[in-house]
Amino acid sequence: MLIFEMIVGFIIAIIIYNVIHHFFITRPIDIGNKETINVLDDFIHHLSENLDNTLKIVEKNNNSVVWGRNIYDYEYILKYNNHFSEEYLRININSLIKTFNDSKKFNHDVVVTDFFIRDNLIHIDLAYLLNSATYEYVLDMKKVDK
């Protein structure tokens, strides 16, 4: 009888752990990722409009797979018309980010953590500073750039 009670107790403990994990870890991360994707997609849409609708999203990658969960940083790979120089794009993106963040449309800021052009594709990493882990990630990336 004692073994049966231990097995039932163990099963109940696993169920309680999974319920708590779902509501306090998994669900908030999923909500944060959904909000981040909405904000960053909106930013990319505004950037494309600012560049005469010449940007098309080729691929979008969640960098939290690499850097750890709860980091709200995404890599966007964008196809663009070749008539833009890298410097022009960099200035335009930085200007639009400043405008985007100053508008206070969203509660947190968007930050570029990486930007380069390869094979006529723009690779841009955007972080949405939704939590302290993402903020610390951005600070660490700035240290790496120095």
C-alpha atoms as a PDB file:
ATOM      1  CA  MET A   1       0.000   0.000   0.000  1.00  0.00           C
ATOM      2  CA  LEU A   2       2.861   2.384   0.770  1.00  0.00           C
ATOM      3  CA  ILE A   3       4.340   1.937  -2.719  1.00  0.00           C
ATOM      4  CA  PHE A   4       0.955   2.731  -4.269  1.00  0.00           C
ATOM      5  CA  GLU A   5       0.696   5.927  -2.205  1.00  0.00           C
ATOM      6  CA  MET A   6       4.251   6.922  -3.203  1.00  0.00           C
ATOM      7  CA  ILE A   7       3.446   6.400  -6.894  1.00  0.00           C
ATOM      8  CA  VAL A   8       0.220   8.422  -6.619  1.00  0.00           C
ATOM      9  CA  GLY A   9       2.068  11.180  -4.710  1.00  0.00           C
ATOM     10  CA  PHE A  10       4.800  11.227  -7.351  1.00  0.00           C
ATOM     11  CA  ILE A  11       2.251  11.483 -10.175  1.00  0.00           C
ATOM     12  CA  ILE A  12       0.402  14.284  -8.367  1.00  0.00           C
ATOM     13  CA  ALA A  13       3.709  16.134  -7.823  1.00  0.00           C
ATOM     14  CA  ILE A  14       4.520  15.885 -11.554  1.00  0.00           C
ATOM     15  CA  ILE A  15       1.057  17.170 -12.475  1.00  0.00           C
ATOM     16  CA  ILE A  16       1.338  20.103 -10.028  1.00  0.00           C
ATOM     17  CA  TYR A  17       4.831  20.942 -11.331  1.00  0.00           C
ATOM     18  CA  ASN A  18       3.627  20.948 -14.954  1.00  0.00           C
ATOM     19  CA  VAL A  19       0.605  23.141 -14.161  1.00  0.00           C
ATOM     20  CA  ILE A  20       2.742  25.644 -12.250  1.00  0.00           C
ATOM     21  CA  HIS A  21       5.398  25.601 -15.012  1.00  0.00           C
ATOM     22  CA  HIS A  22       2.753  26.222 -17.657  1.00  0.00           C
ATOM     23  CA  PHE A  23       1.148  29.202 -15.914  1.00  0.00           C
ATOM     24  CA  PHE A  24       4.308  30.861 -14.560  1.00  0.00           C
ATOM     25  CA  ILE A  25       6.936  30.057 -17.221  1.00  0.00           C
ATOM     26  CA  THR A  26       5.555  28.825 -20.541  1.00  0.00           C
ATOM     27  CA  ARG A  27       2.460  31.010 -20.820  1.00  0.00           C
ATOM     28  CA  PRO A  28       4.183  34.354 -20.034  1.00  0.00           C
ATOM     29  CA  ILE A  29       6.969  33.532 -22.502  1.00  0.00           C
ATOM     30  CA  ASP A  30       4.415  32.679 -25.211  1.00  0.00           C
ATOM     31  CA  ILE A  31       2.523  35.921 -24.533  1.00  0.00           C
ATOM     32  CA  GLY A  32       5.802  37.872 -24.634  1.00  0.00           C
ATOM     33  CA  ASN A  33       6.818  36.255 -27.922  1.00  0.00           C
ATOM     34  CA  LYS A  34       3.434  37.021 -29.459  1.00  0.00           C
ATOM     35  CA  GLU A  35       3.630  40.678 -28.371  1.00  0.00           C
ATOM     36  CA  THR A  36       7.232  40.935 -29.587  1.00  0.00           C
ATOM     37  CA  ILE A  37       6.403  39.509 -33.007  1.00  0.00           C
ATOM     38  CA  ASN A  38       3.497  41.942 -33.389  1.00  0.00           C
ATOM     39  CA  VAL A  39       5.681  44.939 -32.480  1.00  0.00           C
ATOM     40  CA  LEU A  40       8.653  43.912 -34.619  1.00  0.00           C
ATOM     41  CA  ASP A  41       6.480  43.000 -37.610  1.00  0.00           C
ATOM     42  CA  ASP A  42       4.845  46.418 -37.290  1.00  0.00           C
ATOM     43  CA  PHE A  43       8.289  48.025 -37.254  1.00  0.00           C
ATOM     44  CA  ILE A  44       9.371  46.096 -40.373  1.00  0.00           C
ATOM     45  CA  HIS A  45       6.117  47.134 -42.078  1.00  0.00           C
ATOM     46  CA  HIS A  46       6.821  50.807 -41.277  1.00  0.00           C
ATOM     47  CA  LEU A  47      10.398  50.410 -42.478  1.00  0.00           C
ATOM     48  CA  SER A  48       9.183  48.929 -45.750  1.00  0.00           C
ATOM     49  CA  GLU A  49       6.706  51.794 -46.199  1.00  0.00           C
ATOM     50  CA  ASN A  50       9.486  54.251 -45.469  1.00  0.00           C
ATOM     51  CA  LEU A  51      11.559  52.609 -48.229  1.00  0.00           C
ATOM     52  CA  ASP A  52       8.690  52.648 -50.761  1.00  0.00           C
ATOM     53  CA  ASN A  53       7.504  49.098 -49.969  1.00  0.00           C
ATOM     54  CA  THR A  54      10.672  47.517 -51.280  1.00  0.00           C
ATOM     55  CA  LEU A  55      11.332  45.140 -48.359  1.00  0.00           C
ATOM     56  CA  LYS A  56       9.994  41.600 -48.239  1.00  0.00           C
ATOM     57  CA  ILE A  57      10.465  39.289 -45.249  1.00  0.00           C
ATOM     58  CA  VAL A  58      12.287  36.179 -46.445  1.00  0.00           C
ATOM     59  CA  GLU A  59      12.835  34.597 -43.059  1.00  0.00           C
ATOM     60  CA  LYS A  60      12.256  35.334 -39.375  1.00  0.00           C
ATOM     61  CA  ASN A  61      14.204  33.523 -36.647  1.00  0.00           C
ATOM     62  CA  ASN A  62      13.712  33.581 -32.898  1.00  0.00           C
ATOM     63  CA  ASN A  63      17.163  34.166 -31.385  1.00  0.00           C
ATOM     64  CA  SER A  64      16.045  32.921 -27.974  1.00  0.00           C
ATOM     65  CA  VAL A  65      16.691  29.429 -29.325  1.00  0.00           C
ATOM     66  CA  VAL A  66      20.388  30.369 -29.340  1.00  0.00           C
ATOM     67  CA  TRP A  67      20.596  32.773 -26.392  1.00  0.00           C
ATOM     68  CA  GLY A  68      18.131  31.216 -23.975  1.00  0.00           C
ATOM     69  CA  ARG A  69      14.446  31.498 -23.321  1.00  0.00           C
ATOM     70  CA  ASN A  70      12.922  34.778 -22.309  1.00  0.00           C
ATOM     71  CA  ILE A  71      15.154  36.783 -24.690  1.00  0.00           C
ATOM     72  CA  TYR A  72      12.887  38.690 -27.067  1.00  0.00           C
ATOM     73  CA  ASP A  73      15.237  39.085 -30.015  1.00  0.00           C
ATOM     74  CA  TYR A  74      14.419  38.122 -33.600  1.00  0.00           C
ATOM     75  CA  GLU A  75      16.477  38.015 -36.749  1.00  0.00           C
ATOM     76  CA  TYR A  76      14.724  39.265 -39.863  1.00  0.00           C
ATOM     77  CA  ILE A  77      16.136  38.444 -43.274  1.00  0.00           C
ATOM     78  CA  LEU A  78      14.772  40.910 -45.802  1.00  0.00           C
ATOM     79  CA  LYS A  79      14.966  41.061 -49.569  1.00  0.00           C
ATOM     80  CA  TYR A  80      15.377  44.586 -50.925  1.00  0.00           C
ATOM     81  CA  ASN A  81      16.032  46.485 -54.130  1.00  0.00           C
ATOM     82  CA  ASN A  82      19.741  46.838 -54.708  1.00  0.00           C
ATOM     83  CA  HIS A  83      19.637  50.587 -55.236  1.00  0.00           C
ATOM     84  CA  PHE A  84      20.014  51.256 -51.492  1.00  0.00           C
ATOM     85  CA  SER A  85      23.474  51.525 -50.004  1.00  0.00           C
ATOM     86  CA  GLU A  86      24.207  49.889 -46.676  1.00  0.00           C
ATOM     87  CA  GLU A  87      24.876  53.285 -45.095  1.00  0.00           C
ATOM     88  CA  TYR A  88      21.548  54.652 -46.368  1.00  0.00           C
ATOM     89  CA  LEU A  89      19.717  51.639 -44.925  1.00  0.00           C
ATOM     90  CA  ARG A  90      21.537  51.928 -41.598  1.00  0.00           C
ATOM     91  CA  ILE A  91      20.682  55.639 -41.278  1.00  0.00           C
ATOM     92  CA  ASN A  92      17.075  55.014 -42.306  1.00  0.00           C
ATOM     93  CA  ILE A  93      16.649  52.129 -39.846  1.00  0.00           C
ATOM     94  CA  ASN A  94      18.182  54.096 -36.954  1.00  0.00           C
ATOM     95  CA  SER A  95      16.024  57.113 -37.740  1.00  0.00           C
ATOM     96  CA  LEU A  96      12.868  55.016 -37.928  1.00  0.00           C
ATOM     97  CA  ILE A  97      13.696  53.220 -34.666  1.00  0.00           C
ATOM     98  CA  LYS A  98      14.089  56.555 -32.923  1.00  0.00           C
ATOM     99  CA  THR A  99      10.747  57.745 -34.341  1.00  0.00           C
ATOM    100  CA  PHE A 100       9.120  54.399 -33.537  1.00  0.00           C
ATOM    101  CA  ASN A 101      10.339  54.439 -29.922  1.00  0.00           C
ATOM    102  CA  ASP A 102       9.503  58.140 -29.422  1.00  0.00           C
ATOM    103  CA  SER A 103       5.929  57.574 -30.611  1.00  0.00           C
ATOM    104  CA  LYS A 104       5.233  55.571 -27.428  1.00  0.00           C
ATOM    105  CA  LYS A 105       2.825  53.421 -29.445  1.00  0.00           C
ATOM    106  CA  PHE A 106       4.263  50.434 -27.581  1.00  0.00           C
ATOM    107  CA  ASN A 107       5.282  50.190 -23.937  1.00  0.00           C
ATOM    108  CA  HIS A 108       8.896  49.190 -24.569  1.00  0.00           C
ATOM    109  CA  ASP A 109      11.665  50.145 -26.980  1.00  0.00           C
ATOM    110  CA  VAL A 110      12.906  48.335 -30.072  1.00  0.00           C
ATOM    111  CA  VAL A 111      16.689  48.077 -30.462  1.00  0.00           C
ATOM    112  CA  VAL A 112      18.869  46.873 -33.343  1.00  0.00           C
ATOM    113  CA  THR A 113      21.334  44.306 -32.006  1.00  0.00           C
ATOM    114  CA  ASP A 114      22.892  43.351 -35.347  1.00  0.00           C
ATOM    115  CA  PHE A 115      22.735  44.591 -38.928  1.00  0.00           C
ATOM    116  CA  PHE A 116      24.545  43.521 -42.079  1.00  0.00           C
ATOM    117  CA  ILE A 117      23.944  42.849 -45.759  1.00  0.00           C
ATOM    118  CA  ARG A 118      25.017  39.597 -47.388  1.00  0.00           C
ATOM    119  CA  ASP A 119      24.034  38.147 -50.760  1.00  0.00           C
ATOM    120  CA  ASN A 120      21.687  41.096 -51.399  1.00  0.00           C
ATOM    121  CA  LEU A 121      19.720  40.296 -48.257  1.00  0.00           C
ATOM    122  CA  ILE A 122      19.419  42.495 -45.189  1.00  0.00           C
ATOM    123  CA  HIS A 123      20.027  40.637 -41.935  1.00  0.00           C
ATOM    124  CA  ILE A 124      18.734  42.643 -39.009  1.00  0.00           C
ATOM    125  CA  ASP A 125      18.356  41.501 -35.418  1.00  0.00           C
ATOM    126  CA  LEU A 126      15.750  43.415 -33.457  1.00  0.00           C
ATOM    127  CA  ALA A 127      15.209  43.192 -29.718  1.00  0.00           C
ATOM    128  CA  TYR A 128      12.042  44.287 -27.953  1.00  0.00           C
ATOM    129  CA  LEU A 129      12.999  45.370 -24.431  1.00  0.00           C
ATOM    130  CA  LEU A 130      10.085  43.636 -22.768  1.00  0.00           C
ATOM    131  CA  ASN A 131      11.988  42.263 -19.777  1.00  0.00           C
ATOM    132  CA  SER A 132      15.273  42.519 -17.910  1.00  0.00           C
ATOM    133  CA  ALA A 133      16.736  39.410 -19.593  1.00  0.00           C
ATOM    134  CA  THR A 134      16.382  41.032 -23.020  1.00  0.00           C
ATOM    135  CA  TYR A 135      17.777  44.312 -21.715  1.00  0.00           C
ATOM    136  CA  GLU A 136      20.820  42.493 -20.287  1.00  0.00           C
ATOM    137  CA  TYR A 137      21.233  40.651 -23.598  1.00  0.00           C
ATOM    138  CA  VAL A 138      21.300  43.990 -25.465  1.00  0.00           C
ATOM    139  CA  LEU A 139      23.898  45.358 -23.023  1.00  0.00           C
ATOM    140  CA  ASP A 140      26.027  42.231 -23.524  1.00  0.00           C
ATOM    141  CA  MET A 141      25.783  42.591 -27.311  1.00  0.00           C
ATOM    142  CA  LYS A 142      26.963  46.217 -27.025  1.00  0.00           C
ATOM    143  CA  LYS A 143      29.987  45.022 -25.029  1.00  0.00           C
ATOM    144  CA  VAL A 144      30.780  42.479 -27.753  1.00  0.00           C
ATOM    145  CA  ASP A 145      30.635  45.187 -30.441  1.00  0.00           C
ATOM    146  CA  LYS A 146      33.300  47.289 -28.675  1.00  0.00           C
END
